[in-house]
N, C-alpha and C. Protein backbone atom coordinates (compact mmCIF):
# COMPACT_ATOMS: atom_id res chain seq x y z
N MET A 1 -13.70 -22.54 -22.91
CA MET A 1 -12.31 -22.76 -22.58
C MET A 1 -11.47 -22.52 -23.83
N VAL A 2 -10.37 -21.81 -23.68
CA VAL A 2 -9.49 -21.47 -24.79
C VAL A 2 -8.46 -22.58 -24.98
N PRO A 3 -8.27 -23.06 -26.21
CA PRO A 3 -7.26 -24.10 -26.46
C PRO A 3 -5.86 -23.61 -26.09
N ALA A 4 -5.00 -24.55 -25.72
CA ALA A 4 -3.65 -24.21 -25.26
C ALA A 4 -2.84 -23.49 -26.32
N GLY A 5 -2.97 -23.87 -27.58
CA GLY A 5 -2.23 -23.20 -28.65
C GLY A 5 -2.61 -21.75 -28.81
N GLU A 6 -3.90 -21.47 -28.63
CA GLU A 6 -4.38 -20.10 -28.73
C GLU A 6 -3.86 -19.25 -27.57
N ARG A 7 -3.82 -19.82 -26.38
CA ARG A 7 -3.28 -19.10 -25.22
C ARG A 7 -1.81 -18.79 -25.42
N ARG A 8 -1.07 -19.75 -25.98
CA ARG A 8 0.35 -19.54 -26.21
C ARG A 8 0.55 -18.42 -27.23
N ASP A 9 -0.26 -18.41 -28.29
CA ASP A 9 -0.18 -17.34 -29.29
C ASP A 9 -0.48 -15.99 -28.68
N GLN A 10 -1.51 -15.96 -27.82
CA GLN A 10 -1.88 -14.70 -27.17
C GLN A 10 -0.77 -14.25 -26.23
N ARG A 11 -0.18 -15.17 -25.51
CA ARG A 11 0.93 -14.83 -24.61
C ARG A 11 2.11 -14.30 -25.39
N ASP A 12 2.42 -14.95 -26.52
CA ASP A 12 3.52 -14.49 -27.35
C ASP A 12 3.25 -13.09 -27.91
N THR A 13 2.00 -12.83 -28.27
CA THR A 13 1.64 -11.51 -28.77
C THR A 13 1.85 -10.44 -27.70
N TRP A 14 1.36 -10.70 -26.49
CA TRP A 14 1.53 -9.72 -25.41
C TRP A 14 3.00 -9.57 -25.04
N HIS A 15 3.76 -10.64 -25.11
CA HIS A 15 5.20 -10.56 -24.85
C HIS A 15 5.87 -9.67 -25.89
N GLY A 16 5.45 -9.79 -27.15
CA GLY A 16 5.99 -8.94 -28.21
C GLY A 16 5.65 -7.48 -27.98
N PHE A 17 4.41 -7.19 -27.56
CA PHE A 17 4.03 -5.82 -27.25
C PHE A 17 4.86 -5.27 -26.10
N SER A 18 5.09 -6.09 -25.11
CA SER A 18 5.88 -5.67 -23.96
C SER A 18 7.32 -5.35 -24.37
N ASN A 19 7.91 -6.20 -25.19
CA ASN A 19 9.27 -5.94 -25.66
C ASN A 19 9.34 -4.66 -26.50
N ALA A 20 8.36 -4.46 -27.38
CA ALA A 20 8.35 -3.27 -28.23
C ALA A 20 8.21 -2.01 -27.39
N PHE A 21 7.33 -2.04 -26.38
CA PHE A 21 7.14 -0.89 -25.52
C PHE A 21 8.41 -0.58 -24.74
N SER A 22 9.07 -1.60 -24.21
CA SER A 22 10.28 -1.36 -23.43
C SER A 22 11.40 -0.82 -24.31
N HIS A 23 11.52 -1.29 -25.56
CA HIS A 23 12.53 -0.76 -26.47
C HIS A 23 12.23 0.69 -26.84
N ALA A 24 10.97 1.00 -27.10
CA ALA A 24 10.59 2.38 -27.43
C ALA A 24 10.86 3.32 -26.26
N PHE A 25 10.52 2.89 -25.06
CA PHE A 25 10.78 3.71 -23.88
C PHE A 25 12.28 3.91 -23.69
N GLU A 26 13.05 2.86 -23.90
CA GLU A 26 14.51 2.95 -23.76
C GLU A 26 15.09 3.96 -24.74
N ILE A 27 14.64 3.91 -25.99
CA ILE A 27 15.14 4.85 -26.99
C ILE A 27 14.80 6.28 -26.60
N ALA A 28 13.55 6.52 -26.21
CA ALA A 28 13.12 7.87 -25.86
C ALA A 28 13.80 8.37 -24.59
N ALA A 29 13.86 7.53 -23.58
CA ALA A 29 14.41 7.96 -22.29
C ALA A 29 15.92 8.24 -22.38
N ILE A 30 16.66 7.37 -23.02
CA ILE A 30 18.11 7.58 -23.12
C ILE A 30 18.42 8.82 -23.94
N THR A 31 17.69 9.01 -25.04
CA THR A 31 17.91 10.20 -25.86
C THR A 31 17.58 11.46 -25.07
N ALA A 32 16.47 11.45 -24.34
CA ALA A 32 16.09 12.62 -23.55
C ALA A 32 17.11 12.91 -22.44
N ILE A 33 17.58 11.87 -21.77
CA ILE A 33 18.55 12.06 -20.70
C ILE A 33 19.84 12.67 -21.24
N PHE A 34 20.34 12.14 -22.35
CA PHE A 34 21.57 12.68 -22.93
C PHE A 34 21.37 14.11 -23.42
N ALA A 35 20.20 14.42 -24.00
CA ALA A 35 19.92 15.78 -24.44
C ALA A 35 19.88 16.74 -23.24
N LEU A 36 19.24 16.31 -22.16
CA LEU A 36 19.19 17.17 -20.97
C LEU A 36 20.56 17.38 -20.35
N ILE A 37 21.38 16.36 -20.36
CA ILE A 37 22.76 16.52 -19.87
C ILE A 37 23.50 17.51 -20.75
N GLY A 38 23.28 17.42 -22.07
CA GLY A 38 23.91 18.37 -22.98
C GLY A 38 23.43 19.79 -22.75
N VAL A 39 22.14 19.97 -22.50
CA VAL A 39 21.61 21.31 -22.19
C VAL A 39 22.25 21.85 -20.92
N TRP A 40 22.37 20.99 -19.91
CA TRP A 40 22.98 21.42 -18.66
C TRP A 40 24.44 21.84 -18.86
N ILE A 41 25.21 21.03 -19.60
CA ILE A 41 26.62 21.36 -19.86
C ILE A 41 26.71 22.66 -20.66
N ASP A 42 25.86 22.80 -21.67
CA ASP A 42 25.87 24.02 -22.47
C ASP A 42 25.53 25.24 -21.63
N HIS A 43 24.58 25.11 -20.75
CA HIS A 43 24.19 26.23 -19.88
C HIS A 43 25.33 26.57 -18.92
N ARG A 44 25.97 25.55 -18.40
CA ARG A 44 27.04 25.76 -17.41
C ARG A 44 28.27 26.42 -18.02
N PHE A 45 28.64 26.02 -19.25
CA PHE A 45 29.86 26.52 -19.86
C PHE A 45 29.60 27.52 -20.99
N GLY A 46 28.34 27.80 -21.29
CA GLY A 46 28.01 28.79 -22.32
C GLY A 46 28.38 28.35 -23.73
N THR A 47 28.24 27.10 -24.02
CA THR A 47 28.62 26.56 -25.34
C THR A 47 27.41 26.15 -26.16
N ARG A 48 26.27 26.82 -25.98
CA ARG A 48 25.03 26.42 -26.67
C ARG A 48 25.25 26.33 -28.15
N PRO A 49 24.68 25.44 -28.85
CA PRO A 49 24.08 24.15 -28.52
C PRO A 49 25.01 22.98 -28.78
N ALA A 50 26.30 23.19 -28.68
CA ALA A 50 27.29 22.18 -29.07
C ALA A 50 27.11 20.85 -28.34
N PHE A 51 27.10 20.88 -27.02
CA PHE A 51 27.00 19.63 -26.26
C PHE A 51 25.62 18.99 -26.38
N THR A 52 24.59 19.82 -26.49
CA THR A 52 23.25 19.27 -26.64
C THR A 52 23.15 18.45 -27.92
N ILE A 53 23.62 19.01 -29.01
CA ILE A 53 23.57 18.30 -30.30
C ILE A 53 24.48 17.08 -30.27
N ALA A 54 25.69 17.24 -29.77
CA ALA A 54 26.66 16.14 -29.76
C ALA A 54 26.17 14.97 -28.91
N LEU A 55 25.68 15.24 -27.72
CA LEU A 55 25.24 14.16 -26.84
C LEU A 55 23.95 13.52 -27.34
N THR A 56 23.07 14.31 -27.95
CA THR A 56 21.85 13.74 -28.51
C THR A 56 22.18 12.81 -29.67
N LEU A 57 23.06 13.23 -30.56
CA LEU A 57 23.47 12.38 -31.67
C LEU A 57 24.19 11.13 -31.17
N PHE A 58 25.02 11.29 -30.16
CA PHE A 58 25.71 10.15 -29.57
C PHE A 58 24.71 9.13 -29.02
N ALA A 59 23.68 9.63 -28.34
CA ALA A 59 22.66 8.74 -27.77
C ALA A 59 21.87 8.04 -28.87
N VAL A 60 21.48 8.76 -29.91
CA VAL A 60 20.70 8.16 -30.99
C VAL A 60 21.51 7.09 -31.71
N VAL A 61 22.76 7.38 -32.01
CA VAL A 61 23.61 6.40 -32.69
C VAL A 61 23.86 5.19 -31.78
N GLY A 62 24.12 5.42 -30.50
CA GLY A 62 24.37 4.32 -29.57
C GLY A 62 23.16 3.42 -29.38
N VAL A 63 21.99 4.02 -29.22
CA VAL A 63 20.77 3.23 -29.03
C VAL A 63 20.43 2.49 -30.32
N GLY A 64 20.62 3.15 -31.45
CA GLY A 64 20.36 2.49 -32.74
C GLY A 64 21.29 1.31 -32.97
N LEU A 65 22.56 1.49 -32.66
CA LEU A 65 23.53 0.40 -32.81
C LEU A 65 23.21 -0.75 -31.87
N ARG A 66 22.84 -0.43 -30.64
CA ARG A 66 22.48 -1.49 -29.68
C ARG A 66 21.24 -2.25 -30.15
N ALA A 67 20.26 -1.53 -30.66
CA ALA A 67 19.04 -2.18 -31.16
C ALA A 67 19.37 -3.09 -32.35
N TYR A 68 20.22 -2.63 -33.25
CA TYR A 68 20.60 -3.44 -34.41
C TYR A 68 21.34 -4.70 -33.98
N LEU A 69 22.30 -4.56 -33.09
CA LEU A 69 23.07 -5.72 -32.65
C LEU A 69 22.20 -6.71 -31.87
N THR A 70 21.30 -6.21 -31.05
CA THR A 70 20.38 -7.08 -30.33
C THR A 70 19.48 -7.83 -31.29
N TYR A 71 18.97 -7.13 -32.30
CA TYR A 71 18.09 -7.75 -33.29
C TYR A 71 18.83 -8.83 -34.08
N THR A 72 20.03 -8.55 -34.55
CA THR A 72 20.77 -9.55 -35.33
C THR A 72 21.12 -10.76 -34.47
N HIS A 73 21.46 -10.54 -33.21
CA HIS A 73 21.75 -11.66 -32.32
C HIS A 73 20.50 -12.52 -32.10
N GLN A 74 19.36 -11.88 -31.91
CA GLN A 74 18.11 -12.61 -31.70
C GLN A 74 17.74 -13.41 -32.95
N ILE A 75 17.92 -12.84 -34.12
CA ILE A 75 17.60 -13.54 -35.37
C ILE A 75 18.54 -14.73 -35.56
N GLU A 76 19.82 -14.56 -35.28
CA GLU A 76 20.76 -15.67 -35.39
C GLU A 76 20.37 -16.81 -34.44
N ARG A 77 19.96 -16.47 -33.22
CA ARG A 77 19.55 -17.48 -32.25
C ARG A 77 18.32 -18.23 -32.73
N GLU A 78 17.36 -17.51 -33.32
CA GLU A 78 16.15 -18.16 -33.83
C GLU A 78 16.45 -19.01 -35.06
N GLU A 79 17.39 -18.59 -35.88
CA GLU A 79 17.73 -19.34 -37.08
C GLU A 79 18.44 -20.65 -36.75
N GLU A 80 19.15 -20.69 -35.63
CA GLU A 80 19.84 -21.93 -35.25
C GLU A 80 18.86 -23.07 -35.00
N ALA A 81 17.65 -22.74 -34.60
CA ALA A 81 16.65 -23.75 -34.29
C ALA A 81 15.95 -24.31 -35.53
N LYS A 82 16.17 -23.71 -36.68
CA LYS A 82 15.49 -24.16 -37.90
C LYS A 82 16.08 -25.49 -38.35
N PRO A 83 15.25 -26.48 -38.63
CA PRO A 83 15.76 -27.81 -38.97
C PRO A 83 16.52 -27.83 -40.29
N TRP A 84 16.17 -26.97 -41.23
CA TRP A 84 16.84 -26.99 -42.52
C TRP A 84 18.22 -26.33 -42.49
N LEU A 85 18.56 -25.70 -41.37
CA LEU A 85 19.88 -25.09 -41.26
C LEU A 85 20.84 -25.92 -40.41
N ARG A 86 20.34 -26.99 -39.83
CA ARG A 86 21.20 -27.85 -39.02
C ARG A 86 22.16 -28.62 -39.91
N LYS A 87 23.37 -28.78 -39.44
CA LYS A 87 24.37 -29.54 -40.17
C LYS A 87 24.28 -31.00 -39.75
N ASN A 88 24.14 -31.86 -40.69
CA ASN A 88 24.09 -33.30 -40.40
C ASN A 88 25.50 -33.83 -40.24
N PRO A 89 25.72 -34.69 -39.24
CA PRO A 89 27.07 -35.25 -39.02
C PRO A 89 27.46 -36.24 -40.09
């Protein structure tokens, strides 16, 4: 029988893997979708590769900014729970 603390650690580890996989898929999928939309627009209007590059860069910057803001918010939330950071009345 596995102790409860070990199960919790294992669950947290798998939860971390799940979050990392979903973030990686989100970055790849959104970038690919925006690049394909740019290719389609460039093909339709004959502006190769202007829209492809612009939309791909837009997607990379947007996903990167979202990841950064999500990470900082998560860290702030975890830091609030630290006993040494609590303000005593």
